[in-house]
Amino acid sequence: MIEEVGPPVLPWYRTATRQQWNALLAAKLGWMLDSMDFTLYLWAITTLQREFGFGTETSGLLTSVALVTSALGGLVFGVVADRIGRTRALMGTILIYSLCSLGTATAHSVTQLIIWRAALGFGMGGEWATGAVLVSETWPPEHRGKAIGIMQSGWAIGSILAALAAAAVLPHWRWLFVVGVLPAFFTIWIRRSVTEPELWRARKRAGGTLRQVGGRQTTDTGNRHPLREIFSRELAGLTLKASIMTSALMFGYWGLFTWLPAFLSTPVAEGGAGMSIVRSTGWIILMQIGAFAGYISFGFISDRIGRRITFIGFLAAAAILAPIYGHMGRSPSVLLALGPLLGFFGHGFFSVFGAMLAELFPTRARATAQGFTYNLGRGVSALAPMTIGALAHKRGLGPALGLTSAFFIAGALMILLMPETRGKKLE
């Protein structure tokens, strides 16, 4: 008896097309370079304080203003991506944040710093909204979580590049921001190599389609503004719950990670770890290596067991680790050991957003929904750096960082109000 042997089962990465890999590479590198440009400022904080003579409250304000404008950028470019296409919107956001990093290098006052940081935040918010939906619409449902996790891991690589640049260039902070213009040249490759998702193109080709609204069929001409769409009767509840969830998590994340470089370099007497910039760089790089692993691992795990349970597990671990890390300023060896774990769990959960938000909302308003809900959270989180900075002034940085745990727990609870979307095919 001869046993029939079927065709060999290919590993998941061999089943992807060139178009899918190009879309993923474009979004990943765009997010990586976005991270680098944004994180350069976090390393330059102490140098800028000495240069311009401001304190921790103003330092927090400069981070916060970029987060506020990122909310606007995410909303605007979400709508733009739904109207003119994911790829062209992505190129626009990269050009904005790259040129604004170069503009930061020309600043001669705190006001000018604020203006350039605000403009950079606008491009930063738009990049995620367009890149995440490009990947989500290009990759199949069984591998969408993996692809988004790989895309999100670009943030960790960008943070590492910023740390290395800071170690090499500081205290010459102007040249540090000149480095941030390099991503602008990446748009040339995107224009030549990345096409719009077939899902979006099919939506544009369809002159009018039927959809269910309140139990009856109506014609969708495609002309309804996507902002009105996400606040329609059928989608408003999802929009609200997703926005609350992202707001809680962004507040916790930016409240914690904005101040970690300063925490490591602040004297022990002031609640920090008392390290040099060079030594702090090593600690942060190890944390970002953990973050890189966390982003990718989340995608693989969530494709296997589901978005919600993976999300809750990561956030529970982050909530436990944050206060422990904040109270270990006198023990550099403990910080060294905890850093990769905090990076793994405190960053990895972000990989849920690109996949789950895409799976919750329809193509006609997907980029708008992702841009609005994700970046509204960023806008709310603009209060976090200022809040932690004010608390640090009174209680020290370490104890202030530990308070971010409450927001991680709140975000974990919110996802229980939303459906599981693993494996969902996009219409």
Protein backbone atom coordinates (compact mmCIF):
# COMPACT_ATOMS: atom_id res chain seq x y z
CA MET A 1 0.00 0.00 0.00
CA ILE A 2 1.50 3.28 -1.08
CA GLU A 3 0.82 6.25 1.14
CA GLU A 4 0.04 9.44 -0.73
CA VAL A 5 2.23 12.39 0.13
CA GLY A 6 0.78 15.85 -0.32
CA PRO A 7 2.69 18.96 -1.33
CA PRO A 8 5.20 20.20 1.27
CA VAL A 9 3.88 22.75 3.74
CA LEU A 10 5.74 26.00 3.30
CA PRO A 11 6.74 28.13 6.30
CA TRP A 12 4.51 31.18 6.68
CA TYR A 13 7.12 33.66 5.42
CA ARG A 14 7.52 31.71 2.16
CA THR A 15 3.83 32.11 1.36
CA ALA A 16 3.99 35.93 1.29
CA THR A 17 4.21 37.78 -2.02
CA ARG A 18 6.74 40.41 -3.01
CA GLN A 19 4.02 43.05 -2.77
CA GLN A 20 3.23 42.02 0.80
CA TRP A 21 6.88 42.15 1.85
CA ASN A 22 7.39 45.54 0.18
CA ALA A 23 4.37 46.98 2.00
CA LEU A 24 5.63 45.59 5.30
CA LEU A 25 9.15 46.90 4.70
CA ALA A 26 7.83 50.36 3.84
CA ALA A 27 5.70 50.55 6.99
CA LYS A 28 8.41 49.07 9.21
CA LEU A 29 11.17 51.40 8.03
CA GLY A 30 8.82 54.38 8.13
CA TRP A 31 7.94 53.56 11.74
CA MET A 32 11.58 52.87 12.61
CA LEU A 33 12.74 56.22 11.26
CA ASP A 34 9.76 57.94 12.90
CA SER A 35 10.90 56.47 16.22
CA MET A 36 14.46 57.61 15.65
CA ASP A 37 13.44 61.19 14.90
CA PHE A 38 11.10 61.36 17.89
CA THR A 39 13.49 59.68 20.35
CA LEU A 40 16.45 61.91 19.46
CA TYR A 41 14.78 64.60 21.56
CA LEU A 42 14.49 62.34 24.61
CA TRP A 43 18.25 61.85 24.59
CA ALA A 44 18.88 65.56 24.07
CA ILE A 45 16.64 66.69 26.98
CA THR A 46 19.38 67.32 29.53
CA THR A 47 21.60 69.05 26.95
CA LEU A 48 18.71 71.28 25.83
CA GLN A 49 17.91 72.14 29.46
CA ARG A 50 21.42 73.47 29.92
CA GLU A 51 21.42 75.25 26.54
CA PHE A 52 18.08 77.04 26.97
CA GLY A 53 17.81 77.12 30.77
CA PHE A 54 14.50 75.31 31.38
CA GLY A 55 13.43 72.62 33.87
CA THR A 56 11.58 69.32 33.88
CA GLU A 57 8.15 70.93 33.42
CA THR A 58 9.21 72.53 30.11
CA SER A 59 10.95 69.31 29.08
CA GLY A 60 7.67 67.50 29.56
CA LEU A 61 5.83 70.21 27.62
CA LEU A 62 8.10 69.75 24.60
CA THR A 63 7.27 66.05 24.53
CA SER A 64 3.61 66.69 25.19
CA VAL A 65 3.16 69.17 22.35
CA ALA A 66 4.42 66.56 19.87
CA LEU A 67 1.95 64.05 21.25
CA VAL A 68 -0.93 66.53 20.94
CA THR A 69 -0.15 67.31 17.31
CA SER A 70 0.37 63.60 16.59
CA ALA A 71 -3.30 63.12 17.44
CA LEU A 72 -4.20 65.72 14.81
CA GLY A 73 -1.77 64.20 12.31
CA GLY A 74 -3.23 60.74 12.81
CA LEU A 75 -6.75 62.03 12.23
CA VAL A 76 -5.87 64.11 9.16
CA PHE A 77 -3.73 61.49 7.46
CA GLY A 78 -6.21 58.74 8.30
CA VAL A 79 -8.80 60.64 6.26
CA VAL A 80 -6.22 61.41 3.56
CA ALA A 81 -5.24 57.72 3.31
CA ASP A 82 -8.90 56.70 2.92
CA ARG A 83 -9.29 59.28 0.15
CA ILE A 84 -6.07 59.24 -1.90
CA GLY A 85 -4.40 55.99 -0.87
CA ARG A 86 -2.23 54.46 1.82
CA THR A 87 1.10 54.72 0.01
CA ARG A 88 0.93 58.38 -0.98
CA ALA A 89 -0.20 59.38 2.51
CA LEU A 90 2.70 57.40 4.01
CA MET A 91 5.23 59.27 1.88
CA GLY A 92 3.78 62.60 2.97
CA THR A 93 4.10 61.80 6.67
CA ILE A 94 7.73 60.68 6.33
CA LEU A 95 8.67 63.89 4.54
CA ILE A 96 7.02 65.98 7.27
CA TYR A 97 8.73 64.45 10.27
CA SER A 98 12.12 64.26 8.51
CA LEU A 99 12.18 67.93 7.51
CA CYS A 100 10.94 68.99 10.93
CA SER A 101 13.78 67.15 12.62
CA LEU A 102 16.15 69.18 10.47
CA GLY A 103 14.21 72.30 11.44
CA THR A 104 14.72 71.50 15.14
CA ALA A 105 18.46 71.78 14.57
CA THR A 106 17.96 75.47 13.67
CA ALA A 107 16.06 76.41 16.86
CA HIS A 108 17.42 79.30 18.97
CA SER A 109 14.65 79.59 21.56
CA VAL A 110 12.20 77.43 23.49
CA THR A 111 9.39 78.82 21.32
CA GLN A 112 11.12 77.62 18.16
CA LEU A 113 11.70 74.22 19.73
CA ILE A 114 7.99 73.97 20.52
CA ILE A 115 7.02 74.90 16.94
CA TRP A 116 9.30 72.31 15.36
CA ARG A 117 8.31 69.59 17.85
CA ALA A 118 4.65 70.30 17.14
CA ALA A 119 5.17 69.96 13.39
CA LEU A 120 7.22 66.78 13.82
CA GLY A 121 4.44 65.27 15.94
CA PHE A 122 1.95 65.93 13.15
CA GLY A 123 3.96 63.76 10.75
CA MET A 124 4.62 61.14 13.40
CA GLY A 125 0.90 60.63 14.09
CA GLY A 126 0.10 60.30 10.41
CA GLU A 127 2.84 57.73 9.78
CA TRP A 128 1.41 55.06 12.06
CA ALA A 129 -2.14 55.53 10.79
CA THR A 130 -1.11 55.02 7.17
CA GLY A 131 1.59 52.38 7.65
CA ALA A 132 -0.47 50.10 9.89
CA VAL A 133 -3.48 50.06 7.58
CA LEU A 134 -1.21 49.44 4.57
CA VAL A 135 0.12 46.28 6.24
CA SER A 136 -3.26 45.14 7.57
CA GLU A 137 -4.91 45.34 4.15
CA THR A 138 -2.02 43.68 2.32
CA TRP A 139 -1.39 40.65 4.55
CA PRO A 140 -3.80 37.69 4.99
CA PRO A 141 -5.71 37.27 8.28
CA GLU A 142 -3.75 34.23 9.49
CA HIS A 143 -0.48 36.20 9.37
CA ARG A 144 -1.72 39.74 10.02
CA GLY A 145 -0.64 39.73 13.68
CA LYS A 146 2.87 38.58 12.73
CA ALA A 147 3.19 41.27 10.06
CA ILE A 148 2.00 44.02 12.40
CA GLY A 149 4.36 42.79 15.12
CA ILE A 150 7.27 42.97 12.66
CA MET A 151 6.18 46.48 11.66
CA GLN A 152 5.91 47.64 15.27
CA SER A 153 9.38 46.29 16.05
CA GLY A 154 10.73 49.10 13.90
CA TRP A 155 10.10 51.44 16.85
CA ALA A 156 12.65 49.55 18.96
CA ILE A 157 15.27 49.67 16.19
CA GLY A 158 14.69 53.40 15.76
CA SER A 159 15.13 53.96 19.49
CA ILE A 160 18.41 52.04 19.42
CA LEU A 161 19.64 54.11 16.46
CA ALA A 162 18.73 57.30 18.34
CA ALA A 163 20.62 56.10 21.43
CA LEU A 164 23.71 55.30 19.36
CA ALA A 165 23.52 58.65 17.58
CA ALA A 166 23.19 60.44 20.93
CA ALA A 167 26.21 58.63 22.37
CA ALA A 168 28.25 59.57 19.30
CA VAL A 169 27.12 63.18 18.78
CA LEU A 170 26.04 64.74 22.10
CA PRO A 171 26.59 67.34 23.46
CA HIS A 172 26.51 68.71 19.87
CA TRP A 173 22.72 68.50 19.81
CA ARG A 174 22.16 70.40 16.56
CA TRP A 175 24.01 67.76 14.55
CA LEU A 176 21.96 65.13 16.34
CA PHE A 177 18.78 66.53 14.82
CA VAL A 178 20.40 66.95 11.40
CA VAL A 179 20.67 63.14 11.32
CA GLY A 180 16.87 63.06 11.48
CA VAL A 181 16.46 64.37 7.91
CA LEU A 182 17.78 61.13 6.38
CA PRO A 183 14.37 59.36 6.27
CA ALA A 184 13.20 61.83 3.62
CA PHE A 185 15.25 59.95 1.01
CA PHE A 186 13.40 56.72 1.83
CA THR A 187 10.26 58.04 0.12
CA ILE A 188 11.94 57.60 -3.28
CA TRP A 189 11.99 53.81 -2.79
CA ILE A 190 8.39 53.75 -1.54
CA ARG A 191 7.16 55.53 -4.63
CA ARG A 192 8.91 53.04 -6.91
CA SER A 193 8.27 49.78 -5.05
CA VAL A 194 5.06 49.90 -3.00
CA THR A 195 1.58 49.67 -4.54
CA GLU A 196 -1.78 50.40 -3.00
CA PRO A 197 -3.55 47.39 -1.37
CA GLU A 198 -5.98 45.63 -3.70
CA LEU A 199 -8.62 45.96 -0.98
CA TRP A 200 -8.43 49.78 -1.16
CA ARG A 201 -8.28 49.82 -4.97
CA ALA A 202 -11.32 47.55 -5.23
CA ARG A 203 -13.18 49.86 -2.88
CA LYS A 204 -12.37 52.82 -5.13
CA ARG A 205 -13.39 50.95 -8.29
CA ALA A 206 -16.79 50.09 -6.83
CA GLY A 207 -19.20 52.82 -7.84
CA GLY A 208 -21.83 51.79 -5.27
CA THR A 209 -22.10 48.83 -2.93
CA LEU A 210 -24.77 47.44 -0.65
CA ARG A 211 -24.37 47.34 3.09
CA GLN A 212 -26.58 46.49 6.04
CA VAL A 213 -27.73 49.39 8.23
CA GLY A 214 -30.34 48.80 10.90
CA GLY A 215 -31.57 45.57 9.30
CA ARG A 216 -32.09 47.00 5.83
CA GLN A 217 -29.90 47.36 2.77
CA THR A 218 -28.78 50.80 1.65
CA THR A 219 -26.48 51.93 -1.11
CA ASP A 220 -23.06 53.16 -0.08
CA THR A 221 -21.75 55.43 -2.82
CA GLY A 222 -18.36 55.83 -1.19
CA ASN A 223 -18.89 59.59 -0.78
CA ARG A 224 -19.80 59.53 2.91
CA HIS A 225 -17.06 61.26 4.89
CA PRO A 226 -15.08 58.64 6.83
CA LEU A 227 -15.28 60.73 10.03
CA ARG A 228 -19.07 60.57 9.85
CA GLU A 229 -18.73 56.85 9.21
CA ILE A 230 -16.81 56.03 12.40
CA PHE A 231 -19.40 57.93 14.46
CA SER A 232 -22.37 56.33 12.74
CA ARG A 233 -24.81 54.29 14.80
CA GLU A 234 -23.13 51.04 13.85
CA LEU A 235 -19.54 52.09 14.60
CA ALA A 236 -19.73 54.80 17.29
CA GLY A 237 -19.59 52.31 20.18
CA LEU A 238 -16.45 50.65 18.84
CA THR A 239 -14.84 54.04 18.19
CA LEU A 240 -15.51 55.15 21.77
CA LYS A 241 -14.26 51.96 23.43
CA ALA A 242 -11.13 51.79 21.28
CA SER A 243 -10.37 55.46 22.03
CA ILE A 244 -10.69 54.98 25.79
CA MET A 245 -8.44 51.92 25.65
CA THR A 246 -5.71 53.65 23.65
CA SER A 247 -5.89 56.76 25.86
CA ALA A 248 -5.26 54.77 29.04
CA LEU A 249 -2.39 52.82 27.53
CA MET A 250 -0.73 55.78 25.85
CA PHE A 251 -0.83 57.74 29.11
CA GLY A 252 0.90 54.90 30.92
CA TYR A 253 3.41 54.27 28.13
CA TRP A 254 4.51 57.86 27.51
CA GLY A 255 4.47 58.67 31.20
CA LEU A 256 6.92 55.82 31.78
CA PHE A 257 9.18 55.67 28.73
CA THR A 258 9.53 59.41 28.06
CA TRP A 259 11.40 59.79 31.32
CA LEU A 260 13.51 56.61 31.40
CA PRO A 261 16.65 58.15 29.80
CA ALA A 262 16.40 61.06 32.28
CA PHE A 263 15.72 58.62 35.16
CA LEU A 264 18.90 56.67 34.40
CA SER A 265 21.05 59.83 34.19
CA THR A 266 19.47 61.77 37.10
CA PRO A 267 21.52 61.79 40.36
CA VAL A 268 20.48 59.23 42.99
CA ALA A 269 19.77 62.04 45.47
CA GLU A 270 17.06 63.31 43.10
CA GLY A 271 15.40 59.91 42.64
CA GLY A 272 17.32 58.68 39.60
CA ALA A 273 19.96 56.04 38.93
CA GLY A 274 22.92 58.43 38.65
CA MET A 275 24.43 56.98 35.46
CA SER A 276 26.41 58.73 32.76
CA ILE A 277 24.92 59.28 29.29
CA VAL A 278 27.18 56.59 27.80
CA ARG A 279 26.24 54.05 30.46
CA SER A 280 22.55 54.93 30.20
CA THR A 281 22.77 54.29 26.46
CA GLY A 282 23.76 50.68 27.10
CA TRP A 283 20.87 50.15 29.51
CA ILE A 284 18.34 51.64 27.08
CA ILE A 285 19.66 49.62 24.15
CA LEU A 286 19.18 46.40 26.13
CA MET A 287 15.65 47.52 26.99
CA GLN A 288 14.92 48.18 23.32
CA ILE A 289 16.26 44.77 22.36
CA GLY A 290 13.66 43.40 24.75
CA ALA A 291 11.06 45.66 23.14
CA PHE A 292 11.99 44.37 19.68
CA ALA A 293 11.43 40.79 20.85
CA GLY A 294 8.17 41.83 22.53
CA TYR A 295 6.68 43.43 19.43
CA ILE A 296 7.38 40.40 17.26
CA SER A 297 6.45 37.82 19.91
CA PHE A 298 3.10 39.49 20.51
CA GLY A 299 2.20 39.14 16.84
CA PHE A 300 3.02 35.42 16.72
CA ILE A 301 1.30 34.66 20.03
CA SER A 302 -1.84 36.64 19.19
CA ASP A 303 -2.15 34.87 15.82
CA ARG A 304 -2.03 31.60 17.73
CA ILE A 305 -4.19 32.14 20.85
CA GLY A 306 -6.04 35.41 20.22
CA ARG A 307 -5.63 39.17 20.51
CA ARG A 308 -7.34 39.71 23.86
CA ILE A 309 -5.65 37.11 26.08
CA THR A 310 -2.20 38.00 24.72
CA PHE A 311 -2.87 41.70 25.29
CA ILE A 312 -4.00 41.19 28.90
CA GLY A 313 -0.98 39.02 29.70
CA PHE A 314 1.52 41.57 28.38
CA LEU A 315 -0.12 44.47 30.23
CA ALA A 316 -0.35 42.59 33.52
CA ALA A 317 3.40 41.95 33.38
CA ALA A 318 4.13 45.60 32.49
CA ALA A 319 1.99 46.80 35.41
CA ILE A 320 4.01 44.65 37.82
CA LEU A 321 7.42 45.62 36.42
CA ALA A 322 6.97 49.43 36.20
CA PRO A 323 6.91 50.24 39.96
CA ILE A 324 9.68 47.73 40.68
CA TYR A 325 11.91 49.37 38.07
CA GLY A 326 11.10 52.85 39.38
CA HIS A 327 12.18 51.92 42.92
CA MET A 328 15.49 50.32 41.94
CA GLY A 329 17.44 53.47 41.09
CA ARG A 330 20.19 52.57 43.56
CA SER A 331 20.76 49.15 41.99
CA PRO A 332 22.09 49.46 38.42
CA SER A 333 22.55 45.69 38.16
CA VAL A 334 18.87 45.12 38.95
CA LEU A 335 17.89 47.77 36.38
CA LEU A 336 20.09 45.99 33.86
CA ALA A 337 18.26 42.72 34.48
CA LEU A 338 14.76 44.22 34.53
CA GLY A 339 15.23 46.51 31.52
CA PRO A 340 14.78 43.90 28.76
CA LEU A 341 11.72 42.49 30.54
CA LEU A 342 10.15 45.93 30.91
CA GLY A 343 10.93 46.59 27.25
CA PHE A 344 9.40 43.26 26.20
CA PHE A 345 6.08 43.64 28.00
CA GLY A 346 5.87 47.45 28.14
CA HIS A 347 6.22 47.79 24.36
CA GLY A 348 5.03 44.50 22.93
CA PHE A 349 1.32 45.09 23.54
CA PHE A 350 1.32 47.86 20.90
CA SER A 351 1.31 45.17 18.23
CA VAL A 352 -2.39 44.58 18.92
CA PHE A 353 -3.47 47.96 17.56
CA GLY A 354 -2.50 47.66 13.92
CA ALA A 355 -4.19 44.27 13.57
CA MET A 356 -7.20 44.54 15.88
CA LEU A 357 -8.28 48.05 14.90
CA ALA A 358 -8.11 47.08 11.23
CA GLU A 359 -10.24 44.02 11.95
CA LEU A 360 -12.86 46.04 13.82
CA PHE A 361 -13.52 48.71 11.16
CA PRO A 362 -14.57 48.52 7.48
CA THR A 363 -12.39 49.45 4.50
CA ARG A 364 -14.37 52.59 3.74
CA ALA A 365 -13.19 54.20 6.99
CA ARG A 366 -10.40 51.92 8.23
CA ALA A 367 -7.49 54.36 8.07
CA THR A 368 -9.62 57.13 9.57
CA ALA A 369 -10.71 54.85 12.43
CA GLN A 370 -7.18 53.67 13.14
CA GLY A 371 -5.79 57.19 12.91
CA PHE A 372 -8.50 58.64 15.16
CA THR A 373 -8.60 56.02 17.92
CA TYR A 374 -4.83 55.44 18.13
CA ASN A 375 -3.85 59.07 17.97
CA LEU A 376 -6.63 60.38 20.18
CA GLY A 377 -4.90 58.23 22.78
CA ARG A 378 -1.66 59.99 21.95
CA GLY A 379 -3.35 63.35 22.35
CA VAL A 380 -4.64 62.45 25.81
CA SER A 381 -1.25 61.02 26.73
CA ALA A 382 0.27 64.45 26.11
CA LEU A 383 -0.62 65.11 29.75
CA ALA A 384 1.55 62.19 30.86
CA PRO A 385 5.09 63.63 30.44
CA MET A 386 4.02 66.86 32.16
CA THR A 387 2.22 64.94 34.93
CA ILE A 388 5.18 62.65 35.62
CA GLY A 389 7.54 65.64 35.41
CA ALA A 390 5.49 67.52 38.03
CA LEU A 391 5.31 64.46 40.29
CA ALA A 392 9.04 63.88 39.88
CA HIS A 393 9.68 67.44 41.05
CA LYS A 394 7.95 66.59 44.35
CA ARG A 395 8.62 62.88 44.88
CA GLY A 396 11.52 61.95 42.60
CA LEU A 397 11.46 60.30 39.19
CA GLY A 398 11.46 56.68 40.36
CA PRO A 399 8.26 56.77 42.45
CA ALA A 400 6.54 58.90 39.80
CA LEU A 401 7.26 56.31 37.11
CA GLY A 402 5.69 53.56 39.21
CA LEU A 403 2.29 55.28 39.07
CA THR A 404 1.94 54.43 35.37
CA SER A 405 0.92 50.87 36.33
CA ALA A 406 -2.66 51.97 36.98
CA PHE A 407 -3.08 52.97 33.34
CA PHE A 408 -1.73 49.66 32.04
CA ILE A 409 -4.31 47.84 34.16
CA ALA A 410 -7.12 50.11 32.93
CA GLY A 411 -6.19 49.42 29.30
CA ALA A 412 -6.14 45.67 29.92
CA LEU A 413 -9.66 45.81 31.36
CA MET A 414 -11.00 47.82 28.41
CA ILE A 415 -10.20 45.13 25.86
CA LEU A 416 -12.68 42.83 27.62
CA LEU A 417 -15.42 45.07 26.22
CA MET A 418 -14.32 44.44 22.64
CA PRO A 419 -14.73 41.34 20.44
CA GLU A 420 -11.97 38.88 19.64
CA THR A 421 -10.92 39.44 16.02
CA ARG A 422 -8.16 36.87 15.40
CA GLY A 423 -8.45 35.40 11.89
CA LYS A 424 -11.07 37.87 10.66
CA LYS A 425 -11.04 38.50 6.91
CA LEU A 426 -11.27 42.15 5.87
CA GLU A 427 -14.22 42.88 3.59
